Protein backbone atom coordinates (compact mmCIF):
# COMPACT_ATOMS: atom_id res chain seq x y z
CA MET A 1 -190.64 201.67 312.76
CA THR A 2 -188.90 204.65 310.98
CA ARG A 3 -186.72 205.09 314.25
CA THR A 4 -186.08 200.95 314.85
CA LEU A 5 -184.18 200.69 311.19
CA PRO A 6 -181.97 203.19 311.31
CA ILE A 7 -181.14 201.84 314.60
CA VAL A 8 -180.60 198.64 313.52
CA ILE A 9 -178.34 199.64 310.49
CA GLY A 10 -176.04 201.67 313.06
CA ALA A 11 -175.59 198.83 314.86
CA ILE A 12 -174.62 196.42 312.56
CA LEU A 13 -172.65 198.99 311.07
CA LEU A 14 -171.13 199.00 314.60
CA LEU A 15 -170.73 195.97 314.63
CA VAL A 16 -169.14 195.69 311.04
CA LEU A 17 -167.08 198.31 312.67
CA VAL A 18 -165.63 196.33 315.77
CA LEU A 19 -165.26 192.76 314.25
CA PHE A 20 -163.01 194.16 310.84
CA ASN A 21 -160.49 196.01 314.29
CA THR A 22 -160.89 193.33 316.95
CA THR A 23 -159.62 190.00 313.49
CA TYR A 24 -157.14 189.92 311.67
CA THR A 25 -156.51 186.55 309.33
CA VAL A 26 -153.17 185.08 308.56
CA ARG A 27 -152.70 183.65 305.37
CA PHE A 28 -150.59 179.97 304.49
CA HIS A 29 -147.06 181.65 303.33
CA GLU A 30 -147.11 184.47 306.06
CA LEU A 31 -146.86 185.15 309.99
CA ALA A 32 -148.57 188.11 312.06
CA VAL A 33 -146.25 190.87 314.19
CA ARG A 34 -148.59 192.07 316.99
CA THR A 35 -147.90 194.61 318.93
CA ARG A 36 -149.63 196.04 322.18
CA PHE A 37 -149.15 200.26 322.81
CA GLY A 38 -146.05 200.13 319.57
CA GLU A 39 -144.31 197.23 322.50
CA LEU A 40 -143.94 193.39 320.48
CA ALA A 41 -146.69 191.14 321.95
CA GLY A 42 -146.51 188.04 320.32
CA VAL A 43 -145.76 186.26 316.91
CA GLU A 44 -149.14 184.70 315.50
CA ARG A 45 -147.88 181.68 312.71
CA ASP A 46 -150.72 179.72 312.32
CA ALA A 47 -152.80 180.27 309.62
CA GLY A 48 -156.81 181.32 309.85
CA LEU A 49 -158.96 184.34 311.47
CA HIS A 50 -157.67 185.90 315.00
CA PHE A 51 -159.07 187.99 317.79
CA LYS A 52 -156.83 191.38 318.79
CA ALA A 53 -158.17 194.26 320.88
CA PRO A 54 -159.62 196.73 319.34
CA PHE A 55 -158.75 200.42 317.21
CA PHE A 56 -155.08 201.31 318.47
CA VAL A 57 -154.57 199.02 320.68
CA ASP A 58 -153.27 196.11 319.14
CA GLN A 59 -151.36 196.25 315.60
CA VAL A 60 -150.56 193.67 312.84
CA THR A 61 -147.69 193.28 310.84
CA LYS A 62 -147.57 190.73 308.53
CA LEU A 63 -144.49 189.44 307.05
CA ASP A 64 -143.81 186.66 304.22
CA THR A 65 -142.30 183.55 304.86
CA ARG A 66 -141.37 182.70 301.64
CA LEU A 67 -137.85 182.59 299.33
CA GLN A 68 -137.50 186.22 298.62
CA LEU A 69 -134.38 187.47 295.85
CA ILE A 70 -132.91 190.52 295.55
CA ASP A 71 -130.49 191.59 292.81
CA SER A 72 -126.66 193.80 293.67
CA PRO A 73 -125.96 196.32 291.70
CA LEU A 74 -123.28 196.44 289.16
CA GLU A 75 -120.21 196.44 290.75
CA THR A 76 -116.57 197.07 289.42
CA VAL A 77 -114.18 194.92 291.35
CA MET A 78 -110.86 194.13 290.60
CA THR A 79 -109.24 190.67 290.15
CA ALA A 80 -106.40 189.56 292.38
CA ASP A 81 -103.77 190.17 288.92
CA GLN A 82 -105.30 193.28 288.46
CA GLN A 83 -108.29 193.38 285.81
CA GLN A 84 -111.14 194.69 286.23
CA VAL A 85 -114.51 193.07 286.27
CA VAL A 86 -118.32 194.21 286.86
CA VAL A 87 -120.17 191.09 288.99
CA GLN A 88 -123.56 191.15 289.34
CA ALA A 89 -125.16 188.59 292.13
CA TYR A 90 -128.27 187.51 293.69
CA LEU A 91 -129.35 186.40 296.79
CA LEU A 92 -132.37 184.31 298.45
CA TRP A 93 -133.06 184.32 301.50
CA ARG A 94 -135.96 184.28 303.96
CA ILE A 95 -136.97 184.97 307.32
CA LYS A 96 -136.33 182.55 309.88
CA ASN A 97 -137.86 180.17 311.51
CA THR A 98 -138.12 181.51 315.03
CA ASP A 99 -140.35 183.48 317.27
CA ASP A 100 -136.94 185.55 318.15
CA ALA A 101 -136.03 185.79 315.04
CA ALA A 102 -139.36 187.56 313.67
CA LEU A 103 -139.59 189.30 316.39
CA LYS A 104 -135.87 190.62 315.98
CA PHE A 105 -136.65 191.12 311.97
CA TYR A 106 -139.46 193.15 312.86
CA GLY A 107 -137.34 195.36 315.59
CA ALA A 108 -134.45 195.68 312.50
CA PHE A 109 -136.80 195.68 309.35
CA ARG A 110 -139.98 196.04 310.04
CA SER A 111 -141.03 195.25 306.57
CA ILE A 112 -139.61 193.00 303.41
CA ASP A 113 -138.71 195.75 301.53
CA GLU A 114 -136.64 197.40 304.02
CA ALA A 115 -135.41 194.34 304.51
CA ASN A 116 -134.25 194.29 300.89
CA ARG A 117 -133.03 197.53 300.56
CA SER A 118 -130.27 196.49 304.00
CA LEU A 119 -129.70 193.24 302.23
CA GLU A 120 -129.11 195.01 298.43
CA GLN A 121 -126.00 196.91 300.74
CA GLN A 122 -124.70 194.23 302.59
CA LEU A 123 -124.55 191.85 299.17
CA GLN A 124 -122.19 194.29 297.57
CA GLY A 125 -120.52 194.07 299.94
CA ALA A 126 -119.99 190.47 300.56
CA LEU A 127 -118.77 190.54 295.83
CA ARG A 128 -115.17 191.99 297.11
CA ALA A 129 -114.36 187.65 297.24
CA ILE A 130 -114.61 188.40 293.60
CA GLY A 131 -111.19 189.99 294.69
CA SER A 132 -109.23 187.44 295.68
CA LEU A 133 -109.80 185.16 292.44
CA SER A 134 -107.48 185.92 289.38
CA TYR A 135 -109.47 186.41 285.70
CA ALA A 136 -108.65 182.88 284.71
CA ASP A 137 -110.28 181.20 288.30
CA ILE A 138 -113.34 183.82 287.13
CA VAL A 139 -113.95 182.95 282.41
CA GLY A 140 -111.39 180.41 282.13
CA ALA A 141 -111.80 176.25 281.58
CA LYS A 142 -111.05 175.70 285.73
CA SER A 143 -113.66 178.35 286.48
CA ARG A 144 -113.38 178.92 290.62
CA ILE A 145 -117.07 181.10 290.76
CA ALA A 146 -118.53 178.58 293.10
CA ASP A 147 -115.78 178.51 295.67
CA ALA A 148 -116.65 182.27 295.38
CA GLU A 149 -120.43 181.97 296.05
CA LYS A 150 -119.86 180.01 299.05
CA ALA A 151 -117.84 182.62 300.00
CA ILE A 152 -120.13 185.66 299.87
CA LEU A 153 -122.86 183.57 301.10
CA GLY A 154 -120.68 182.36 303.94
CA ASP A 155 -119.76 185.82 304.35
CA LEU A 156 -123.45 186.38 304.89
CA LYS A 157 -124.08 184.12 308.01
CA GLN A 158 -121.62 184.96 309.80
CA ALA A 159 -123.16 188.48 309.97
CA ASP A 160 -125.56 189.87 311.85
CA LEU A 161 -128.87 190.14 310.15
CA ALA A 162 -131.38 190.30 312.47
CA GLY A 163 -133.54 187.23 311.54
CA ILE A 164 -132.72 186.68 308.08
CA GLU A 165 -131.16 183.34 306.81
CA PRO A 166 -129.26 183.62 303.25
CA VAL A 167 -130.38 180.45 301.88
CA SER A 168 -128.45 180.85 298.64
CA VAL A 169 -125.59 183.38 296.55
CA GLY A 170 -125.41 183.38 292.86
CA ILE A 171 -122.84 185.37 290.57
CA ALA A 172 -125.76 186.90 288.19
CA GLN A 173 -123.01 188.21 284.77
CA VAL A 174 -119.48 189.36 284.64
CA LEU A 175 -119.09 192.01 282.17
CA LEU A 176 -115.79 193.55 281.76
CA PRO A 177 -115.32 197.14 281.20
CA PRO A 178 -115.02 198.42 277.67
CA LYS A 179 -111.85 198.78 277.41
CA ALA A 180 -110.63 195.21 278.63
CA THR A 181 -113.58 193.79 276.68
CA GLY A 182 -111.02 194.29 273.53
CA ALA A 183 -107.88 193.64 275.18
CA VAL A 184 -109.61 190.10 276.22
CA LEU A 185 -110.80 189.66 272.39
CA THR A 186 -107.76 191.17 271.77
CA ARG A 187 -105.39 188.39 273.24
CA MET A 188 -108.18 185.70 272.37
CA GLY A 189 -107.25 186.77 268.94
CA GLU A 190 -103.63 186.03 269.11
CA LEU A 191 -104.26 183.30 271.16
CA GLN A 192 -105.99 181.75 268.70
CA LYS A 193 -103.72 182.68 265.87
CA ALA A 194 -101.33 180.61 267.64
CA ILE A 195 -102.80 177.91 268.15
CA ALA A 196 -104.21 177.72 264.55
CA LEU A 197 -100.61 177.81 264.02
CA ASN A 198 -99.06 175.21 266.02
CA GLU A 199 -101.82 172.95 264.22
CA GLU A 200 -100.96 174.14 261.15
CA THR A 201 -97.01 173.59 261.55
CA ARG A 202 -98.71 169.66 263.19
CA GLY A 203 -100.57 169.05 259.69
CA ASN A 204 -98.00 169.95 257.62
CA THR A 205 -95.45 168.01 259.57
CA GLU A 206 -97.64 164.34 259.00
CA ALA A 207 -98.31 164.95 255.74
CA GLU A 208 -94.52 165.16 255.28
CA ALA A 209 -94.31 161.78 257.13
CA ILE A 210 -97.27 160.04 255.35
CA LYS A 211 -95.74 161.68 251.84
CA ALA A 212 -92.45 159.77 253.11
CA ALA A 213 -94.43 156.74 253.67
CA ALA A 214 -95.96 156.84 250.23
CA ARG A 215 -92.92 157.46 249.01
CA THR A 216 -91.46 154.33 250.63
CA GLN A 217 -94.44 152.19 249.68
CA ALA A 218 -94.32 153.26 245.50
CA ASP A 219 -90.85 152.72 245.50
CA ILE A 220 -91.12 149.61 246.69
CA ILE A 221 -93.89 148.45 244.45
CA ARG A 222 -92.35 150.38 241.80
CA GLY A 223 -89.01 147.98 242.60
CA PHE A 224 -91.59 144.55 242.94
CA ALA A 225 -93.15 145.63 239.49
CA GLU A 226 -90.16 146.25 237.58
CA ALA A 227 -88.38 142.66 238.81
CA TRP A 228 -91.84 140.99 237.64
CA ALA A 229 -91.35 143.12 234.11
CA GLN A 230 -87.82 141.77 233.16
CA ARG A 231 -89.37 138.47 234.82
CA ILE A 232 -91.45 138.19 232.66
CA ALA A 233 -89.46 140.14 229.84
CA ALA A 234 -87.01 137.36 229.98
CA ARG A 235 -89.40 133.70 230.42
CA GLY A 236 -90.97 136.08 226.84
CA ASP A 237 -87.18 136.01 225.76
CA GLN A 238 -86.65 132.55 226.26
CA GLU A 239 -90.29 131.77 224.81
CA ALA A 240 -89.14 133.49 221.45
CA ALA A 241 -86.39 132.58 221.35
CA ARG A 242 -87.24 129.69 220.15
CA TYR A 243 -89.43 130.33 217.37
CA TYR A 244 -86.45 132.56 216.11
CA GLU A 245 -84.93 129.52 215.77
CA GLU A 246 -88.23 128.21 213.52
CA MET A 247 -87.92 131.52 211.60
CA ALA A 248 -84.20 131.44 210.76
CA LYS A 249 -84.07 127.76 209.41
CA HIS A 250 -87.39 129.38 206.82
CA ARG A 251 -86.56 132.15 206.31
CA ASP A 252 -87.88 132.68 203.31
CA LEU A 253 -90.90 131.42 204.93
CA ALA A 254 -90.88 134.34 207.81
CA THR A 255 -90.39 136.58 205.48
CA PHE A 256 -93.19 136.16 202.96
CA LEU A 257 -95.79 135.05 206.32
CA THR A 258 -94.37 139.11 207.43
CA TRP A 259 -95.46 140.03 203.81
CA LEU A 260 -98.70 138.95 204.34
CA ASP A 261 -99.91 140.19 207.77
CA THR A 262 -98.24 143.25 206.32
CA LEU A 263 -100.55 143.43 203.09
CA LYS A 264 -103.55 142.02 205.72
CA ALA A 265 -103.70 144.65 207.94
CA GLY A 266 -103.57 147.85 204.77
CA MET A 267 -106.39 146.02 203.38
CA THR A 268 -108.32 146.33 206.15
CA GLY A 269 -111.68 148.52 205.71
CA ALA A 270 -112.60 150.35 202.62
CA ALA A 271 -109.24 152.20 200.98
CA THR A 272 -108.24 152.50 197.64
CA ILE A 273 -104.31 151.94 197.61
CA PHE A 274 -101.89 152.53 194.81
CA ALA A 275 -99.07 150.57 194.74
CA ASP A 276 -95.68 149.32 193.26
CA THR A 277 -96.24 146.25 192.34
CA THR A 278 -93.09 145.49 192.29
CA ARG A 279 -91.64 146.16 195.32
CA ALA A 280 -92.86 144.16 199.35
CA PRO A 281 -95.88 142.51 200.44
CA PHE A 282 -97.63 144.56 197.45
CA HIS A 283 -95.70 142.62 194.54
CA LEU A 284 -97.99 139.43 195.73
CA LEU A 285 -100.49 141.16 194.17
CA ASP A 286 -98.50 139.97 191.31
CA LEU A 287 -99.34 136.71 189.51
CA ASN A 288 -97.24 136.69 187.04
CA ALA A 289 -93.73 137.70 190.41
CA PRO A 290 -90.95 135.56 190.26
CA THR A 291 -90.41 132.88 192.74
CA ASN A 292 -87.76 131.60 194.52
CA ALA A 293 -87.19 127.93 194.84
CA ASP A 294 -89.08 127.32 197.07
CA GLY A 295 -92.15 129.21 195.28
CA ILE A 296 -92.64 132.60 196.94
CA PRO A 297 -93.17 135.78 195.32
CA MET A 298 -90.52 137.41 195.24
CA PRO A 299 -90.45 141.33 194.53
CA THR A 300 -87.86 142.32 191.07
CA SER A 301 -86.76 145.59 193.17
CA SER A 302 -85.80 146.61 196.66
CA PRO A 303 -87.30 148.52 198.69
CA ILE A 304 -85.57 152.21 199.49
CA PRO A 305 -87.07 155.08 200.57
CA PRO A 306 -87.65 158.29 197.68
CA SER A 307 -85.93 160.34 200.50
CA ILE A 308 -82.83 158.13 200.81
CA PRO A 309 -80.39 158.58 197.36
CA SER A 310 -79.25 155.56 196.85
CA ALA A 311 -75.58 154.65 197.40
CA THR A 312 -74.79 152.75 193.58
CA PRO A 313 -74.95 154.86 190.18
CA PRO A 314 -78.22 153.85 187.63
CA ILE A 315 -77.67 150.66 185.90
CA GLY A 316 -77.28 151.21 182.17
CA PRO A 317 -75.81 151.11 178.90
CA ALA A 318 -73.21 154.57 178.69
CA PRO A 319 -74.03 157.24 176.30
CA ALA A 320 -72.65 157.10 172.37
CA ALA A 321 -69.84 159.21 170.94
CA PRO A 322 -71.14 161.81 168.82
CA GLU A 323 -71.20 161.63 165.68
CA LYS A 324 -68.77 163.41 162.67
CA ASN A 325 -72.05 165.42 161.96
CA GLY A 326 -72.54 166.75 165.57
CA ALA A 327 -75.72 165.62 166.11
CA PRO A 328 -75.36 163.45 168.90
CA LYS A 329 -76.57 159.26 168.97
CA THR A 330 -77.31 157.59 172.24
CA SER A 331 -79.55 154.42 173.38
CA ALA A 332 -81.15 154.01 177.07
CA SER A 333 -82.42 151.35 178.58
CA ASN A 334 -85.23 152.47 180.59
CA GLU A 335 -86.92 149.64 183.25
CA SER A 336 -90.29 149.42 182.62
CA ASN A 337 -92.13 149.03 185.98
CA GLU A 338 -95.78 147.79 186.64
CA THR A 339 -97.97 149.84 188.24
CA ALA A 340 -100.97 148.56 189.68
CA SER A 341 -104.00 150.06 190.88
CA THR A 342 -106.19 148.19 193.34
CA GLU A 343 -109.70 148.85 195.02
CA SER A 344 -110.89 147.07 198.09
């Protein structure tokens, strides 16, 4: 019993070792290249468990059939207009879907990593196609980057890439060297200033046109308003002429009504008025004021402003001649002006 157990365990281990060396699995996104004694023996694409000769007889290398992505190093390229740009591109590739292509790929590269290193160099060289474009074709509004990508992809497809199928090429970055960046920014600033100046000039021109149109419209409206005002004034004069004619027929009555309006305007509100009742229109407050033939009260003195001296000498008797004893004898007639104080 003690000898049987080690034999069984040894047999199991030997069986496991044999199975490990005689089987291999292929995943759905892989293919397996089998070699026998170092020579290519075939390609297995079916996913699942497969058998091979044990130990050193058969060797199996698995390759990924999915899309692979690589980035090129930053490459300085001189454009057609002698501008330096720093470009970086990317490449999507995969192994061609044929057994011959898989065997050729394995013979050339042995692994995916080795193929990536080789393709980086190929892609870096193909970036020279950017040199056929001008700087404006790369970064301008009418960029031709898509054409450059197609040209790079076409160059890679024409190259002998040993079972590799280039799928897509894209420009990942377009940079400027530091010196070129400063020059481009300066040039862009000048361009923006020129655009701003052009827009300002255009705006000033449009503003002047708007002002001229507004002035023309204002002159038209002003002329129309003045003509209309003259017509209204002329009509008013015509309407007022009738009243003036009536007032001319009854001049004293018109004057009396004017006095009443003036007195009414001056007596509004709470105020204390000191006035000379011998002058118009305050003579209306004097019940003893003389009246004319029509019964209208009349002022006893004419309204002469105190600041304007009277043009006629004062009325009164001449002074008497001096007597013999030297005492002069004078007689004067002083007119008394009644002054009324009214409080309203």
